[in-house]
N, C-alpha and C. Protein backbone atom coordinates (compact mmCIF):
# COMPACT_ATOMS: atom_id res chain seq x y z
N UNK A 1 82.93 122.71 57.05
CA UNK A 1 84.07 122.72 58.30
C UNK A 1 83.44 121.92 59.39
N UNK A 2 84.10 120.89 60.32
CA UNK A 2 83.69 119.61 61.46
C UNK A 2 83.96 120.90 62.35
N UNK A 3 83.11 120.71 63.78
CA UNK A 3 83.25 121.35 64.79
C UNK A 3 84.14 120.78 65.45
N UNK A 4 84.70 121.64 66.46
CA UNK A 4 85.56 120.45 67.53
C UNK A 4 84.94 120.19 68.50
N UNK A 5 85.30 118.87 68.88
CA UNK A 5 84.97 117.59 70.15
C UNK A 5 85.46 118.24 71.04
N UNK A 6 84.81 119.14 71.74
CA UNK A 6 85.37 119.85 73.15
C UNK A 6 85.04 118.53 74.26
N UNK A 7 84.02 117.69 73.97
CA UNK A 7 84.05 116.72 74.99
C UNK A 7 85.08 115.94 75.01
N UNK A 8 85.58 115.55 73.85
CA UNK A 8 86.83 114.51 73.78
C UNK A 8 88.02 115.33 74.30
N UNK A 9 88.13 116.67 73.90
CA UNK A 9 89.61 117.04 74.45
C UNK A 9 89.30 117.51 75.94
N UNK A 10 88.21 117.56 76.59
CA UNK A 10 88.44 117.48 78.21
C UNK A 10 88.51 116.20 78.42
N UNK A 11 88.01 115.06 78.17
CA UNK A 11 88.18 113.69 78.28
C UNK A 11 89.86 113.12 78.84
N UNK A 12 90.40 113.84 77.15
CA UNK A 12 91.92 113.34 77.29
C UNK A 12 92.69 114.27 78.49
N UNK A 13 92.26 115.41 78.53
CA UNK A 13 92.26 116.18 79.31
C UNK A 13 92.72 115.84 80.77
N UNK A 14 91.62 115.15 81.40
CA UNK A 14 91.08 114.66 82.61
C UNK A 14 91.91 113.46 82.38
N UNK A 15 91.97 112.64 81.62
CA UNK A 15 92.72 111.29 81.69
C UNK A 15 94.34 111.45 81.75
N UNK A 16 94.97 112.74 81.29
CA UNK A 16 96.11 113.01 81.40
C UNK A 16 96.68 113.33 82.79
N UNK A 17 95.47 114.42 83.54
CA UNK A 17 95.98 114.71 84.98
C UNK A 17 95.45 113.44 85.84
N UNK A 18 94.89 112.57 85.43
CA UNK A 18 94.66 111.30 86.61
C UNK A 18 95.79 110.65 86.62
N UNK A 19 96.58 110.58 85.06
CA UNK A 19 97.75 109.29 85.05
C UNK A 19 98.66 109.95 85.79
N UNK A 20 98.79 111.50 85.67
CA UNK A 20 99.83 112.17 86.15
C UNK A 20 99.76 112.33 88.03
N UNK A 21 98.69 112.52 88.26
CA UNK A 21 98.43 112.23 89.87
C UNK A 21 98.98 110.63 90.40
N UNK A 22 98.30 109.91 89.78
CA UNK A 22 98.99 107.99 89.94
C UNK A 22 100.33 107.98 89.86
N UNK A 23 100.99 108.68 88.95
CA UNK A 23 102.21 108.49 88.94
C UNK A 23 103.03 109.27 90.01
N UNK A 24 102.73 110.41 90.34
CA UNK A 24 102.98 111.04 91.41
C UNK A 24 102.59 110.41 92.69
N UNK A 25 101.97 109.49 93.17
CA UNK A 25 101.28 109.02 94.32
C UNK A 25 101.99 107.67 93.96
N UNK A 26 102.45 107.17 93.36
CA UNK A 26 103.27 105.78 93.24
C UNK A 26 104.74 105.96 93.29
N UNK A 27 105.12 107.34 93.00
CA UNK A 27 106.77 107.62 93.32
C UNK A 27 106.65 108.16 94.60
N UNK A 28 105.81 109.11 95.09
CA UNK A 28 105.60 109.05 96.75
C UNK A 28 105.54 107.77 97.69
N UNK A 29 104.85 106.98 97.42
CA UNK A 29 104.69 105.60 97.74
C UNK A 29 106.10 105.17 97.69
N UNK A 30 106.67 105.08 96.54
CA UNK A 30 107.88 104.22 96.51
C UNK A 30 109.43 105.05 97.47
N UNK A 31 109.09 106.47 97.65
CA UNK A 31 110.18 107.00 98.50
C UNK A 31 110.02 106.83 99.89
N UNK A 32 108.35 106.57 100.56
CA UNK A 32 108.26 106.38 101.53
C UNK A 32 108.30 104.97 102.05
N UNK A 33 108.36 103.73 101.32
CA UNK A 33 108.45 102.58 101.48
C UNK A 33 110.10 102.18 101.82
N UNK A 34 110.53 102.54 99.99
CA UNK A 34 112.03 102.09 100.13
C UNK A 34 112.85 103.16 99.13
N UNK A 35 112.47 104.50 100.00
CA UNK A 35 113.33 105.63 98.84
C UNK A 35 114.91 105.41 99.17
N UNK A 36 115.47 104.48 99.83
CA UNK A 36 116.71 105.04 99.93
C UNK A 36 117.71 105.10 98.71
N UNK A 37 117.38 103.82 97.74
CA UNK A 37 117.99 103.74 96.46
C UNK A 37 118.12 105.04 95.75
N UNK A 38 116.61 105.68 95.56
CA UNK A 38 116.43 106.98 95.07
C UNK A 38 117.20 108.19 95.83
N UNK A 39 117.27 108.09 96.87
CA UNK A 39 117.49 109.37 97.85
C UNK A 39 118.80 109.33 98.32
N UNK A 40 119.87 108.30 97.73
CA UNK A 40 121.41 108.41 98.16
C UNK A 40 121.89 109.58 97.34
N UNK A 41 121.52 109.60 96.19
CA UNK A 41 122.21 111.05 95.44
C UNK A 41 121.86 112.48 96.00
N UNK A 42 120.80 112.44 96.53
CA UNK A 42 120.73 113.74 97.32
C UNK A 42 121.31 113.98 98.66
N UNK A 43 121.18 112.82 99.45
CA UNK A 43 121.48 112.62 100.33
C UNK A 43 123.15 112.76 100.87
N UNK A 44 124.00 112.40 99.98
CA UNK A 44 125.13 111.95 99.89
C UNK A 44 125.88 113.41 99.98
N UNK A 45 127.00 113.19 100.65
CA UNK A 45 127.78 114.13 101.73
C UNK A 45 128.08 115.05 100.30
N UNK A 46 128.23 116.10 99.82
CA UNK A 46 129.13 116.84 98.66
C UNK A 46 130.24 117.44 99.02
N UNK A 47 130.97 117.37 100.67
CA UNK A 47 132.13 117.70 100.88
C UNK A 47 133.26 116.89 100.38
N UNK A 48 133.14 115.96 100.04
CA UNK A 48 133.93 115.28 99.58
C UNK A 48 134.43 114.92 98.25
N UNK A 49 133.17 115.37 97.22
CA UNK A 49 133.27 115.39 96.09
C UNK A 49 133.76 116.98 95.24
N UNK A 50 133.70 117.44 96.31
CA UNK A 50 134.33 119.16 95.83
C UNK A 50 135.29 119.43 96.79
N UNK A 51 136.06 118.91 97.46
CA UNK A 51 136.76 119.17 97.95
C UNK A 51 136.87 120.14 99.21
N UNK A 52 135.44 120.59 99.82
CA UNK A 52 135.34 121.74 100.93
C UNK A 52 135.37 120.94 102.26
N UNK A 53 136.29 119.95 102.56
CA UNK A 53 136.49 119.32 103.90
C UNK A 53 137.02 119.93 104.65
N UNK A 54 138.16 121.34 104.30
CA UNK A 54 138.79 121.94 105.03
C UNK A 54 139.88 121.73 105.45
N UNK A 55 140.61 120.47 105.11
CA UNK A 55 141.88 119.95 105.01
C UNK A 55 142.72 120.74 104.67
N UNK A 56 142.63 121.33 103.37
CA UNK A 56 143.86 122.07 102.94
C UNK A 56 143.32 123.44 102.53
N UNK A 57 142.41 123.98 103.21
CA UNK A 57 141.84 125.55 102.82
C UNK A 57 142.99 126.68 103.24
N UNK A 58 143.27 126.05 104.68
CA UNK A 58 144.11 127.33 105.38
C UNK A 58 145.77 126.63 104.82
N UNK A 59 146.76 128.02 104.59
CA UNK A 59 148.16 127.50 104.52
C UNK A 59 148.65 127.47 105.83
N UNK A 60 149.85 126.54 106.02
CA UNK A 60 150.39 126.05 107.13
C UNK A 60 151.34 127.18 107.34
């Protein structure tokens, strides 16, 4: 039976970590420079969509 190649497995884990870290840094840089396009969804006022603007909540 073949023995496990721990060095190869460790290298693959390190490469995956490095790629994930680089991806996070790229996304962070994009948000810092021109994040308006991706941040619009979270910054949009929710009261228009949910109807909680207070206009019709109280009876007249």
